[in-house]
Full PDB file with SEQRES, HELIX, SHEET, SSBOND, CRYST1, ORIGX, SCALE, CONECT and MASTER records, all heavy atoms in Angstrom:
SEQRES   1 A   42  CYS LYS PHE SER ASN ASP LEU ARG LEU LEU GLN ASN LEU          
SEQRES   2 A   42  LYS GLU ILE GLU GLU PRO PHE GLU LYS ASN GLN ILE GLY          
SEQRES   3 A   42  SER SER ALA MET ALA TYR LYS ARG ASN PRO MET ARG SER          
SEQRES   4 A   42  GLU ARG ILE                                                  
HELIX    1 AA1 LYS A    2  LEU A   13  1                                  12    
HELIX    2 AA2 MET A   37  ARG A   41  1                                   5    
CRYST1    1.000    1.000    1.000  90.00  90.00  90.00 P 1           1          
ORIGX1      1.000000  0.000000  0.000000        0.00000                         
ORIGX2      0.000000  1.000000  0.000000        0.00000                         
ORIGX3      0.000000  0.000000  1.000000        0.00000                         
SCALE1      1.000000  0.000000  0.000000        0.00000                         
SCALE2      0.000000  1.000000  0.000000        0.00000                         
SCALE3      0.000000  0.000000  1.000000        0.00000                         
ATOM      1  N   CYS A   1    -187.730 142.760 157.926  1.00  0.00           N  
ATOM      2  CA  CYS A   1    -186.596 143.385 157.112  1.00  0.00           C  
ATOM      3  C   CYS A   1    -186.177 142.367 155.923  1.00  0.00           C  
ATOM      4  O   CYS A   1    -186.025 142.676 154.839  1.00  0.00           O  
ATOM      5  CB  CYS A   1    -185.455 143.748 157.891  1.00  0.00           C  
ATOM      6  SG  CYS A   1    -184.308 144.751 157.102  1.00  0.00           S  
ATOM      7  N   LYS A   2    -186.118 141.095 156.340  1.00  0.00           N  
ATOM      8  CA  LYS A   2    -185.595 140.026 155.399  1.00  0.00           C  
ATOM      9  C   LYS A   2    -186.690 139.993 154.207  1.00  0.00           C  
ATOM     10  O   LYS A   2    -186.417 139.816 153.071  1.00  0.00           O  
ATOM     11  CB  LYS A   2    -185.624 138.775 156.026  1.00  0.00           C  
ATOM     12  CG  LYS A   2    -184.816 137.611 155.424  1.00  0.00           C  
ATOM     13  CD  LYS A   2    -185.524 136.873 154.413  1.00  0.00           C  
ATOM     14  CE  LYS A   2    -184.733 135.725 153.816  1.00  0.00           C  
ATOM     15  NZ  LYS A   2    -185.226 135.320 152.529  1.00  0.00           N  
ATOM     16  N   PHE A   3    -188.019 139.904 154.733  1.00  0.00           N  
ATOM     17  CA  PHE A   3    -189.010 139.982 153.625  1.00  0.00           C  
ATOM     18  C   PHE A   3    -188.915 141.172 152.767  1.00  0.00           C  
ATOM     19  O   PHE A   3    -189.071 141.086 151.532  1.00  0.00           O  
ATOM     20  CB  PHE A   3    -190.422 139.942 154.409  1.00  0.00           C  
ATOM     21  CG  PHE A   3    -191.503 140.411 153.473  1.00  0.00           C  
ATOM     22  CD1 PHE A   3    -192.005 139.550 152.446  1.00  0.00           C  
ATOM     23  CD2 PHE A   3    -192.045 141.650 153.538  1.00  0.00           C  
ATOM     24  CE1 PHE A   3    -193.075 140.062 151.666  1.00  0.00           C  
ATOM     25  CE2 PHE A   3    -193.034 142.214 152.692  1.00  0.00           C  
ATOM     26  CZ  PHE A   3    -193.556 141.245 151.701  1.00  0.00           C  
ATOM     27  N   SER A   4    -188.855 142.369 153.290  1.00  0.00           N  
ATOM     28  CA  SER A   4    -188.735 143.522 152.449  1.00  0.00           C  
ATOM     29  C   SER A   4    -187.606 143.570 151.591  1.00  0.00           C  
ATOM     30  O   SER A   4    -187.732 144.111 150.417  1.00  0.00           O  
ATOM     31  CB  SER A   4    -188.739 144.807 153.447  1.00  0.00           C  
ATOM     32  OG  SER A   4    -187.435 145.014 154.035  1.00  0.00           O  
ATOM     33  N   ASN A   5    -186.486 143.060 152.013  1.00  0.00           N  
ATOM     34  CA  ASN A   5    -185.284 143.001 151.059  1.00  0.00           C  
ATOM     35  C   ASN A   5    -185.586 142.072 149.877  1.00  0.00           C  
ATOM     36  O   ASN A   5    -185.317 142.324 148.859  1.00  0.00           O  
ATOM     37  CB  ASN A   5    -184.121 142.562 151.905  1.00  0.00           C  
ATOM     38  CG  ASN A   5    -183.566 143.621 152.757  1.00  0.00           C  
ATOM     39  OD1 ASN A   5    -183.843 144.700 152.603  1.00  0.00           O  
ATOM     40  ND2 ASN A   5    -182.870 143.142 153.737  1.00  0.00           N  
ATOM     41  N   ASP A   6    -186.135 140.863 150.179  1.00  0.00           N  
ATOM     42  CA  ASP A   6    -186.518 139.964 149.239  1.00  0.00           C  
ATOM     43  C   ASP A   6    -187.468 140.598 148.133  1.00  0.00           C  
ATOM     44  O   ASP A   6    -187.313 140.510 146.919  1.00  0.00           O  
ATOM     45  CB  ASP A   6    -187.141 138.747 149.702  1.00  0.00           C  
ATOM     46  CG  ASP A   6    -186.190 137.686 150.398  1.00  0.00           C  
ATOM     47  OD1 ASP A   6    -184.953 137.972 150.345  1.00  0.00           O  
ATOM     48  OD2 ASP A   6    -186.615 136.663 150.989  1.00  0.00           O  
ATOM     49  N   LEU A   7    -188.430 141.293 148.759  1.00  0.00           N  
ATOM     50  CA  LEU A   7    -189.544 141.923 147.764  1.00  0.00           C  
ATOM     51  C   LEU A   7    -188.840 142.946 146.899  1.00  0.00           C  
ATOM     52  O   LEU A   7    -189.185 143.274 145.753  1.00  0.00           O  
ATOM     53  CB  LEU A   7    -190.702 142.418 148.541  1.00  0.00           C  
ATOM     54  CG  LEU A   7    -191.880 142.908 147.746  1.00  0.00           C  
ATOM     55  CD1 LEU A   7    -192.280 141.844 146.761  1.00  0.00           C  
ATOM     56  CD2 LEU A   7    -192.902 143.461 148.605  1.00  0.00           C  
ATOM     57  N   ARG A   8    -187.936 143.721 147.472  1.00  0.00           N  
ATOM     58  CA  ARG A   8    -187.314 144.818 146.675  1.00  0.00           C  
ATOM     59  C   ARG A   8    -186.452 144.237 145.628  1.00  0.00           C  
ATOM     60  O   ARG A   8    -186.393 144.737 144.429  1.00  0.00           O  
ATOM     61  CB  ARG A   8    -186.428 145.699 147.620  1.00  0.00           C  
ATOM     62  CG  ARG A   8    -187.209 146.474 148.658  1.00  0.00           C  
ATOM     63  CD  ARG A   8    -186.504 146.886 149.898  1.00  0.00           C  
ATOM     64  NE  ARG A   8    -185.403 147.920 149.509  1.00  0.00           N  
ATOM     65  CZ  ARG A   8    -184.428 148.220 150.393  1.00  0.00           C  
ATOM     66  NH1 ARG A   8    -184.322 147.679 151.525  1.00  0.00           N  
ATOM     67  NH2 ARG A   8    -183.387 149.085 149.947  1.00  0.00           N  
ATOM     68  N   LEU A   9    -185.838 143.048 145.900  1.00  0.00           N  
ATOM     69  CA  LEU A   9    -185.068 142.426 144.903  1.00  0.00           C  
ATOM     70  C   LEU A   9    -186.039 141.881 143.704  1.00  0.00           C  
ATOM     71  O   LEU A   9    -185.792 141.980 142.565  1.00  0.00           O  
ATOM     72  CB  LEU A   9    -184.286 141.342 145.321  1.00  0.00           C  
ATOM     73  CG  LEU A   9    -183.085 141.702 146.212  1.00  0.00           C  
ATOM     74  CD1 LEU A   9    -182.532 140.525 147.014  1.00  0.00           C  
ATOM     75  CD2 LEU A   9    -182.022 142.411 145.407  1.00  0.00           C  
ATOM     76  N   LEU A  10    -187.044 141.314 144.128  1.00  0.00           N  
ATOM     77  CA  LEU A  10    -188.077 140.708 143.219  1.00  0.00           C  
ATOM     78  C   LEU A  10    -188.845 141.865 142.461  1.00  0.00           C  
ATOM     79  O   LEU A  10    -189.088 141.705 141.259  1.00  0.00           O  
ATOM     80  CB  LEU A  10    -189.190 140.007 144.050  1.00  0.00           C  
ATOM     81  CG  LEU A  10    -188.735 138.664 144.612  1.00  0.00           C  
ATOM     82  CD1 LEU A  10    -189.801 138.133 145.584  1.00  0.00           C  
ATOM     83  CD2 LEU A  10    -188.603 137.676 143.499  1.00  0.00           C  
ATOM     84  N   GLN A  11    -189.006 143.052 143.112  1.00  0.00           N  
ATOM     85  CA  GLN A  11    -189.544 144.065 142.311  1.00  0.00           C  
ATOM     86  C   GLN A  11    -188.492 144.617 141.242  1.00  0.00           C  
ATOM     87  O   GLN A  11    -188.931 144.949 140.123  1.00  0.00           O  
ATOM     88  CB  GLN A  11    -189.932 145.296 143.236  1.00  0.00           C  
ATOM     89  CG  GLN A  11    -190.655 146.408 142.548  1.00  0.00           C  
ATOM     90  CD  GLN A  11    -191.600 147.147 143.385  1.00  0.00           C  
ATOM     91  OE1 GLN A  11    -192.243 146.507 144.337  1.00  0.00           O  
ATOM     92  NE2 GLN A  11    -191.978 148.387 143.094  1.00  0.00           N  
ATOM     93  N   ASN A  12    -187.283 144.555 141.542  1.00  0.00           N  
ATOM     94  CA  ASN A  12    -186.224 145.000 140.536  1.00  0.00           C  
ATOM     95  C   ASN A  12    -186.303 143.895 139.382  1.00  0.00           C  
ATOM     96  O   ASN A  12    -186.088 144.287 138.297  1.00  0.00           O  
ATOM     97  CB  ASN A  12    -184.932 145.019 141.204  1.00  0.00           C  
ATOM     98  CG  ASN A  12    -183.785 145.227 140.145  1.00  0.00           C  
ATOM     99  OD1 ASN A  12    -183.138 144.289 139.706  1.00  0.00           O  
ATOM    100  ND2 ASN A  12    -183.542 146.447 139.816  1.00  0.00           N  
ATOM    101  N   LEU A  13    -186.576 142.592 139.684  1.00  0.00           N  
ATOM    102  CA  LEU A  13    -186.602 141.580 138.649  1.00  0.00           C  
ATOM    103  C   LEU A  13    -187.938 141.742 137.938  1.00  0.00           C  
ATOM    104  O   LEU A  13    -187.970 140.898 136.923  1.00  0.00           O  
ATOM    105  CB  LEU A  13    -186.427 140.244 139.335  1.00  0.00           C  
ATOM    106  CG  LEU A  13    -185.044 140.015 139.932  1.00  0.00           C  
ATOM    107  CD1 LEU A  13    -185.165 138.641 140.692  1.00  0.00           C  
ATOM    108  CD2 LEU A  13    -183.929 140.069 138.930  1.00  0.00           C  
ATOM    109  N   LYS A  14    -188.889 142.462 138.423  1.00  0.00           N  
ATOM    110  CA  LYS A  14    -190.205 142.643 137.736  1.00  0.00           C  
ATOM    111  C   LYS A  14    -191.043 141.411 137.961  1.00  0.00           C  
ATOM    112  O   LYS A  14    -191.900 141.083 137.079  1.00  0.00           O  
ATOM    113  CB  LYS A  14    -190.125 143.109 136.359  1.00  0.00           C  
ATOM    114  CG  LYS A  14    -189.402 144.347 136.119  1.00  0.00           C  
ATOM    115  CD  LYS A  14    -189.316 144.872 134.677  1.00  0.00           C  
ATOM    116  CE  LYS A  14    -188.843 146.220 134.582  1.00  0.00           C  
ATOM    117  NZ  LYS A  14    -187.514 146.478 135.087  1.00  0.00           N  
ATOM    118  N   GLU A  15    -190.764 140.581 138.830  1.00  0.00           N  
ATOM    119  CA  GLU A  15    -191.410 139.244 139.126  1.00  0.00           C  
ATOM    120  C   GLU A  15    -192.672 139.562 140.076  1.00  0.00           C  
ATOM    121  O   GLU A  15    -193.803 139.064 139.827  1.00  0.00           O  
ATOM    122  CB  GLU A  15    -190.584 138.222 139.642  1.00  0.00           C  
ATOM    123  CG  GLU A  15    -189.546 137.706 138.671  1.00  0.00           C  
ATOM    124  CD  GLU A  15    -188.838 136.466 139.102  1.00  0.00           C  
ATOM    125  OE1 GLU A  15    -189.256 135.871 140.178  1.00  0.00           O  
ATOM    126  OE2 GLU A  15    -187.913 136.036 138.454  1.00  0.00           O  
ATOM    127  N   ILE A  16    -192.340 140.236 141.200  1.00  0.00           N  
ATOM    128  CA  ILE A  16    -193.451 140.491 142.185  1.00  0.00           C  
ATOM    129  C   ILE A  16    -193.313 141.872 142.674  1.00  0.00           C  
ATOM    130  O   ILE A  16    -192.106 142.398 142.819  1.00  0.00           O  
ATOM    131  CB  ILE A  16    -193.429 139.492 143.316  1.00  0.00           C  
ATOM    132  CG1 ILE A  16    -193.524 138.105 142.899  1.00  0.00           C  
ATOM    133  CG2 ILE A  16    -194.562 139.843 144.344  1.00  0.00           C  
ATOM    134  CD1 ILE A  16    -193.406 136.967 144.098  1.00  0.00           C  
ATOM    135  N   GLU A  17    -194.365 142.660 142.832  1.00  0.00           N  
ATOM    136  CA  GLU A  17    -194.261 144.111 143.299  1.00  0.00           C  
ATOM    137  C   GLU A  17    -195.147 144.238 144.450  1.00  0.00           C  
ATOM    138  O   GLU A  17    -196.166 143.565 144.690  1.00  0.00           O  
ATOM    139  CB  GLU A  17    -194.774 145.001 142.110  1.00  0.00           C  
ATOM    140  CG  GLU A  17    -193.780 145.092 140.963  1.00  0.00           C  
ATOM    141  CD  GLU A  17    -194.228 146.082 139.908  1.00  0.00           C  
ATOM    142  OE1 GLU A  17    -195.437 146.437 139.939  1.00  0.00           O  
ATOM    143  OE2 GLU A  17    -193.429 146.463 139.011  1.00  0.00           O  
ATOM    144  N   GLU A  18    -194.840 145.238 145.372  1.00  0.00           N  
ATOM    145  CA  GLU A  18    -195.687 145.690 146.330  1.00  0.00           C  
ATOM    146  C   GLU A  18    -196.917 146.456 145.787  1.00  0.00           C  
ATOM    147  O   GLU A  18    -196.801 146.898 144.588  1.00  0.00           O  
ATOM    148  CB  GLU A  18    -194.931 146.484 147.356  1.00  0.00           C  
ATOM    149  CG  GLU A  18    -194.491 147.763 146.926  1.00  0.00           C  
ATOM    150  CD  GLU A  18    -193.925 148.729 147.977  1.00  0.00           C  
ATOM    151  OE1 GLU A  18    -193.165 148.234 148.803  1.00  0.00           O  
ATOM    152  OE2 GLU A  18    -194.142 149.888 147.936  1.00  0.00           O  
ATOM    153  N   PRO A  19    -198.003 146.635 146.445  1.00  0.00           N  
ATOM    154  CA  PRO A  19    -199.053 147.386 145.975  1.00  0.00           C  
ATOM    155  C   PRO A  19    -198.722 148.798 145.506  1.00  0.00           C  
ATOM    156  O   PRO A  19    -197.703 149.403 146.188  1.00  0.00           O  
ATOM    157  CB  PRO A  19    -200.097 147.565 147.095  1.00  0.00           C  
ATOM    158  CG  PRO A  19    -199.714 146.301 148.077  1.00  0.00           C  
ATOM    159  CD  PRO A  19    -198.246 146.154 147.934  1.00  0.00           C  
ATOM    160  N   PHE A  20    -199.336 149.288 144.453  1.00  0.00           N  
ATOM    161  CA  PHE A  20    -198.949 150.662 143.976  1.00  0.00           C  
ATOM    162  C   PHE A  20    -200.340 151.203 143.582  1.00  0.00           C  
ATOM    163  O   PHE A  20    -200.999 150.807 142.755  1.00  0.00           O  
ATOM    164  CB  PHE A  20    -198.107 150.575 142.857  1.00  0.00           C  
ATOM    165  CG  PHE A  20    -197.443 151.899 142.372  1.00  0.00           C  
ATOM    166  CD1 PHE A  20    -196.190 152.262 142.988  1.00  0.00           C  
ATOM    167  CD2 PHE A  20    -198.031 152.814 141.473  1.00  0.00           C  
ATOM    168  CE1 PHE A  20    -195.716 153.416 142.610  1.00  0.00           C  
ATOM    169  CE2 PHE A  20    -197.443 154.010 141.148  1.00  0.00           C  
ATOM    170  CZ  PHE A  20    -196.236 154.344 141.745  1.00  0.00           C  
ATOM    171  N   GLU A  21    -200.712 152.346 144.324  1.00  0.00           N  
ATOM    172  CA  GLU A  21    -201.992 152.948 144.078  1.00  0.00           C  
ATOM    173  C   GLU A  21    -202.144 153.725 142.863  1.00  0.00           C  
ATOM    174  O   GLU A  21    -201.129 154.078 142.269  1.00  0.00           O  
ATOM    175  CB  GLU A  21    -202.302 153.760 145.407  1.00  0.00           C  
ATOM    176  CG  GLU A  21    -202.449 152.993 146.606  1.00  0.00           C  
ATOM    177  CD  GLU A  21    -202.576 154.010 147.825  1.00  0.00           C  
ATOM    178  OE1 GLU A  21    -202.873 155.090 147.667  1.00  0.00           O  
ATOM    179  OE2 GLU A  21    -202.356 153.347 148.980  1.00  0.00           O  
ATOM    180  N   LYS A  22    -203.339 153.839 142.307  1.00  0.00           N  
ATOM    181  CA  LYS A  22    -203.609 154.474 141.053  1.00  0.00           C  
ATOM    182  C   LYS A  22    -202.921 155.770 140.870  1.00  0.00           C  
ATOM    183  O   LYS A  22    -202.260 156.031 139.729  1.00  0.00           O  
ATOM    184  CB  LYS A  22    -205.181 154.519 140.776  1.00  0.00           C  
ATOM    185  CG  LYS A  22    -205.496 155.082 139.471  1.00  0.00           C  
ATOM    186  CD  LYS A  22    -206.939 155.206 139.381  1.00  0.00           C  
ATOM    187  CE  LYS A  22    -207.496 155.868 137.987  1.00  0.00           C  
ATOM    188  NZ  LYS A  22    -208.897 155.917 137.883  1.00  0.00           N  
ATOM    189  N   ASN A  23    -203.058 156.632 141.930  1.00  0.00           N  
ATOM    190  CA  ASN A  23    -202.473 157.995 141.657  1.00  0.00           C  
ATOM    191  C   ASN A  23    -201.181 158.173 142.503  1.00  0.00           C  
ATOM    192  O   ASN A  23    -200.695 159.290 142.578  1.00  0.00           O  
ATOM    193  CB  ASN A  23    -203.473 159.025 142.228  1.00  0.00           C  
ATOM    194  CG  ASN A  23    -204.729 158.985 141.401  1.00  0.00           C  
ATOM    195  OD1 ASN A  23    -204.747 159.009 140.214  1.00  0.00           O  
ATOM    196  ND2 ASN A  23    -205.962 159.023 142.055  1.00  0.00           N  
ATOM    197  N   GLN A  24    -200.562 157.028 142.887  1.00  0.00           N  
ATOM    198  CA  GLN A  24    -199.278 157.137 143.573  1.00  0.00           C  
ATOM    199  C   GLN A  24    -198.090 157.558 142.629  1.00  0.00           C  
ATOM    200  O   GLN A  24    -198.063 157.073 141.490  1.00  0.00           O  
ATOM    201  CB  GLN A  24    -198.958 155.835 144.173  1.00  0.00           C  
ATOM    202  CG  GLN A  24    -197.753 155.808 144.986  1.00  0.00           C  
ATOM    203  CD  GLN A  24    -197.483 154.459 145.793  1.00  0.00           C  
ATOM    204  OE1 GLN A  24    -198.502 153.737 145.995  1.00  0.00           O  
ATOM    205  NE2 GLN A  24    -196.328 154.179 146.022  1.00  0.00           N  
ATOM    206  N   ILE A  25    -197.374 158.453 143.147  1.00  0.00           N  
ATOM    207  CA  ILE A  25    -196.159 158.979 142.433  1.00  0.00           C  
ATOM    208  C   ILE A  25    -194.844 158.240 142.949  1.00  0.00           C  
ATOM    209  O   ILE A  25    -194.662 158.273 144.047  1.00  0.00           O  
ATOM    210  CB  ILE A  25    -196.055 160.466 142.443  1.00  0.00           C  
ATOM    211  CG1 ILE A  25    -197.255 161.114 141.808  1.00  0.00           C  
ATOM    212  CG2 ILE A  25    -194.722 160.937 141.855  1.00  0.00           C  
ATOM    213  CD1 ILE A  25    -197.241 162.682 142.038  1.00  0.00           C  
ATOM    214  N   GLY A  26    -194.179 157.554 142.040  1.00  0.00           N  
ATOM    215  CA  GLY A  26    -192.975 156.791 142.399  1.00  0.00           C  
ATOM    216  C   GLY A  26    -191.775 157.752 142.587  1.00  0.00           C  
ATOM    217  O   GLY A  26    -190.851 157.486 143.338  1.00  0.00           O  
ATOM    218  N   SER A  27    -191.633 158.666 141.739  1.00  0.00           N  
ATOM    219  CA  SER A  27    -190.511 159.572 141.727  1.00  0.00           C  
ATOM    220  C   SER A  27    -190.839 160.966 141.228  1.00  0.00           C  
ATOM    221  O   SER A  27    -191.617 161.091 140.260  1.00  0.00           O  
ATOM    222  CB  SER A  27    -189.397 158.965 140.781  1.00  0.00           C  
ATOM    223  OG  SER A  27    -188.307 159.995 140.568  1.00  0.00           O  
ATOM    224  N   SER A  28    -190.216 161.965 141.953  1.00  0.00           N  
ATOM    225  CA  SER A  28    -190.595 163.405 141.551  1.00  0.00           C  
ATOM    226  C   SER A  28    -189.965 163.660 140.149  1.00  0.00           C  
ATOM    227  O   SER A  28    -190.414 164.608 139.554  1.00  0.00           O  
ATOM    228  CB  SER A  28    -190.232 164.270 142.644  1.00  0.00           C  
ATOM    229  OG  SER A  28    -188.747 164.206 142.722  1.00  0.00           O  
ATOM    230  N   ALA A  29    -188.945 162.972 139.799  1.00  0.00           N  
ATOM    231  CA  ALA A  29    -188.229 163.179 138.492  1.00  0.00           C  
ATOM    232  C   ALA A  29    -188.694 162.287 137.414  1.00  0.00           C  
ATOM    233  O   ALA A  29    -188.821 162.605 136.330  1.00  0.00           O  
ATOM    234  CB  ALA A  29    -186.704 163.225 138.853  1.00  0.00           C  
ATOM    235  N   MET A  30    -188.668 160.992 137.829  1.00  0.00           N  
ATOM    236  CA  MET A  30    -188.795 159.959 136.845  1.00  0.00           C  
ATOM    237  C   MET A  30    -190.265 159.361 136.924  1.00  0.00           C  
ATOM    238  O   MET A  30    -190.567 158.533 137.780  1.00  0.00           O  
ATOM    239  CB  MET A  30    -187.770 158.790 137.093  1.00  0.00           C  
ATOM    240  CG  MET A  30    -186.407 159.201 136.780  1.00  0.00           C  
ATOM    241  SD  MET A  30    -185.054 158.198 137.447  1.00  0.00           S  
ATOM    242  CE  MET A  30    -185.131 158.696 139.163  1.00  0.00           C  
ATOM    243  N   ALA A  31    -191.131 159.839 136.094  1.00  0.00           N  
ATOM    244  CA  ALA A  31    -192.566 159.634 136.273  1.00  0.00           C  
ATOM    245  C   ALA A  31    -193.004 158.169 136.113  1.00  0.00           C  
ATOM    246  O   ALA A  31    -194.019 157.753 136.474  1.00  0.00           O  
ATOM    247  CB  ALA A  31    -193.320 160.449 135.290  1.00  0.00           C  
ATOM    248  N   TYR A  32    -192.050 157.507 135.365  1.00  0.00           N  
ATOM    249  CA  TYR A  32    -192.328 155.979 135.087  1.00  0.00           C  
ATOM    250  C   TYR A  32    -192.054 155.122 136.177  1.00  0.00           C  
ATOM    251  O   TYR A  32    -192.568 153.901 136.284  1.00  0.00           O  
ATOM    252  CB  TYR A  32    -191.521 155.553 133.827  1.00  0.00           C  
ATOM    253  CG  TYR A  32    -189.953 155.529 134.139  1.00  0.00           C  
ATOM    254  CD1 TYR A  32    -189.329 154.518 134.722  1.00  0.00           C  
ATOM    255  CD2 TYR A  32    -189.276 156.748 133.872  1.00  0.00           C  
ATOM    256  CE1 TYR A  32    -188.033 154.605 134.961  1.00  0.00           C  
ATOM    257  CE2 TYR A  32    -187.947 156.722 134.165  1.00  0.00           C  
ATOM    258  CZ  TYR A  32    -187.316 155.620 134.609  1.00  0.00           C  
ATOM    259  OH  TYR A  32    -185.957 155.796 134.888  1.00  0.00           O  
ATOM    260  N   LYS A  33    -191.430 155.586 137.227  1.00  0.00           N  
ATOM    261  CA  LYS A  33    -190.831 154.683 138.340  1.00  0.00           C  
ATOM    262  C   LYS A  33    -192.006 154.170 139.282  1.00  0.00           C  
ATOM    263  O   LYS A  33    -192.949 154.899 139.533  1.00  0.00           O  
ATOM    264  CB  LYS A  33    -189.715 155.311 139.200  1.00  0.00           C  
ATOM    265  CG  LYS A  33    -188.523 155.576 138.311  1.00  0.00           C  
ATOM    266  CD  LYS A  33    -187.459 156.145 139.179  1.00  0.00           C  
ATOM    267  CE  LYS A  33    -186.810 154.861 139.993  1.00  0.00           C  
ATOM    268  NZ  LYS A  33    -185.701 155.241 140.751  1.00  0.00           N  
ATOM    269  N   ARG A  34    -191.816 152.980 139.662  1.00  0.00           N  
ATOM    270  CA  ARG A  34    -192.682 152.325 140.750  1.00  0.00           C  
ATOM    271  C   ARG A  34    -191.744 151.913 141.981  1.00  0.00           C  
ATOM    272  O   ARG A  34    -191.466 150.723 142.077  1.00  0.00           O  
ATOM    273  CB  ARG A  34    -193.520 151.172 140.262  1.00  0.00           C  
ATOM    274  CG  ARG A  34    -194.540 151.629 139.217  1.00  0.00           C  
ATOM    275  CD  ARG A  34    -195.103 150.298 138.537  1.00  0.00           C  
ATOM    276  NE  ARG A  34    -195.774 149.406 139.426  1.00  0.00           N  
ATOM    277  CZ  ARG A  34    -197.218 149.343 139.409  1.00  0.00           C  
ATOM    278  NH1 ARG A  34    -197.905 150.012 138.569  1.00  0.00           N  
ATOM    279  NH2 ARG A  34    -197.647 148.412 140.332  1.00  0.00           N  
ATOM    280  N   ASN A  35    -191.388 152.862 142.744  1.00  0.00           N  
ATOM    281  CA  ASN A  35    -190.403 152.517 143.856  1.00  0.00           C  
ATOM    282  C   ASN A  35    -191.074 151.766 144.892  1.00  0.00           C  
ATOM    283  O   ASN A  35    -192.180 152.031 145.290  1.00  0.00           O  
ATOM    284  CB  ASN A  35    -189.842 153.887 144.261  1.00  0.00           C  
ATOM    285  CG  ASN A  35    -189.011 154.675 143.399  1.00  0.00           C  
ATOM    286  OD1 ASN A  35    -188.469 154.063 142.408  1.00  0.00           O  
ATOM    287  ND2 ASN A  35    -188.819 155.873 143.581  1.00  0.00           N  
ATOM    288  N   PRO A  36    -190.424 150.801 145.479  1.00  0.00           N  
ATOM    289  CA  PRO A  36    -190.986 149.949 146.538  1.00  0.00           C  
ATOM    290  C   PRO A  36    -190.834 150.630 147.866  1.00  0.00           C  
ATOM    291  O   PRO A  36    -190.199 150.285 148.836  1.00  0.00           O  
ATOM    292  CB  PRO A  36    -190.053 148.669 146.549  1.00  0.00           C  
ATOM    293  CG  PRO A  36    -188.736 149.203 146.134  1.00  0.00           C  
ATOM    294  CD  PRO A  36    -189.053 150.311 145.082  1.00  0.00           C  
ATOM    295  N   MET A  37    -191.489 151.835 147.988  1.00  0.00           N  
ATOM    296  CA  MET A  37    -191.348 152.698 149.124  1.00  0.00           C  
ATOM    297  C   MET A  37    -191.830 152.030 150.463  1.00  0.00           C  
ATOM    298  O   MET A  37    -191.402 152.257 151.550  1.00  0.00           O  
ATOM    299  CB  MET A  37    -192.116 154.043 148.943  1.00  0.00           C  
ATOM    300  CG  MET A  37    -193.583 154.048 148.608  1.00  0.00           C  
ATOM    301  SD  MET A  37    -194.725 153.905 149.928  1.00  0.00           S  
ATOM    302  CE  MET A  37    -194.431 155.280 150.884  1.00  0.00           C  
ATOM    303  N   ARG A  38    -192.966 151.158 150.322  1.00  0.00           N  
ATOM    304  CA  ARG A  38    -193.443 150.601 151.662  1.00  0.00           C  
ATOM    305  C   ARG A  38    -192.476 149.571 152.165  1.00  0.00           C  
ATOM    306  O   ARG A  38    -192.184 149.563 153.363  1.00  0.00           O  
ATOM    307  CB  ARG A  38    -194.791 150.012 151.396  1.00  0.00           C  
ATOM    308  CG  ARG A  38    -195.818 151.024 150.887  1.00  0.00           C  
ATOM    309  CD  ARG A  38    -197.221 150.388 150.573  1.00  0.00           C  
ATOM    310  NE  ARG A  38    -197.933 151.282 149.697  1.00  0.00           N  
ATOM    311  CZ  ARG A  38    -199.237 151.162 149.547  1.00  0.00           C  
ATOM    312  NH1 ARG A  38    -199.925 150.322 150.151  1.00  0.00           N  
ATOM    313  NH2 ARG A  38    -199.697 151.983 148.635  1.00  0.00           N  
ATOM    314  N   SER A  39    -191.859 148.886 151.222  1.00  0.00           N  
ATOM    315  CA  SER A  39    -190.912 147.822 151.572  1.00  0.00           C  
ATOM    316  C   SER A  39    -189.630 148.489 152.174  1.00  0.00           C  
ATOM    317  O   SER A  39    -188.927 148.116 153.115  1.00  0.00           O  
ATOM    318  CB  SER A  39    -190.419 146.929 150.480  1.00  0.00           C  
ATOM    319  OG  SER A  39    -191.546 146.347 149.960  1.00  0.00           O  
ATOM    320  N   GLU A  40    -189.253 149.633 151.522  1.00  0.00           N  
ATOM    321  CA  GLU A  40    -188.051 150.398 152.033  1.00  0.00           C  
ATOM    322  C   GLU A  40    -188.438 150.977 153.430  1.00  0.00           C  
ATOM    323  O   GLU A  40    -187.473 151.094 154.247  1.00  0.00           O  
ATOM    324  CB  GLU A  40    -187.802 151.495 151.146  1.00  0.00           C  
ATOM    325  CG  GLU A  40    -187.216 151.020 149.722  1.00  0.00           C  
ATOM    326  CD  GLU A  40    -187.035 152.080 148.730  1.00  0.00           C  
ATOM    327  OE1 GLU A  40    -187.851 153.014 148.631  1.00  0.00           O  
ATOM    328  OE2 GLU A  40    -186.065 152.028 147.905  1.00  0.00           O  
ATOM    329  N   ARG A  41    -189.605 151.351 153.698  1.00  0.00           N  
ATOM    330  CA  ARG A  41    -189.926 151.916 155.017  1.00  0.00           C  
ATOM    331  C   ARG A  41    -189.856 150.700 156.052  1.00  0.00           C  
ATOM    332  O   ARG A  41    -189.458 150.881 157.217  1.00  0.00           O  
ATOM    333  CB  ARG A  41    -191.411 152.396 155.004  1.00  0.00           C  
ATOM    334  CG  ARG A  41    -191.810 153.061 156.380  1.00  0.00           C  
ATOM    335  CD  ARG A  41    -193.016 153.757 156.464  1.00  0.00           C  
ATOM    336  NE  ARG A  41    -193.051 155.052 155.564  1.00  0.00           N  
ATOM    337  CZ  ARG A  41    -194.147 155.860 155.525  1.00  0.00           C  
ATOM    338  NH1 ARG A  41    -195.257 155.615 156.070  1.00  0.00           N  
ATOM    339  NH2 ARG A  41    -194.025 156.864 154.789  1.00  0.00           N  
ATOM    340  N   ILE A  42    -190.388 149.544 155.701  1.00  0.00           N  
ATOM    341  CA  ILE A  42    -190.219 148.373 156.566  1.00  0.00           C  
ATOM    342  C   ILE A  42    -188.802 148.177 156.981  1.00  0.00           C  
ATOM    343  O   ILE A  42    -188.365 147.936 158.094  1.00  0.00           O  
ATOM    344  CB  ILE A  42    -190.806 147.050 155.905  1.00  0.00           C  
ATOM    345  CG1 ILE A  42    -192.343 147.188 155.715  1.00  0.00           C  
ATOM    346  CG2 ILE A  42    -190.337 145.798 156.704  1.00  0.00           C  
ATOM    347  CD1 ILE A  42    -192.921 145.957 155.006  1.00  0.00           C  
TER     348      ILE A  42                                                      
MASTER        0    0    0    2    0    0    0    6  347    1    0    4          
END                                                                             
């Protein structure tokens, strides 16, 4: 959980991101988003 929280903050800072697959959808409304869903699940 500590790791996932750090990574979610880093992803907000745009420094480090979790993997995001080619056809993955980050948000049903905001098509540009790359939500850290795996870290959130952790």
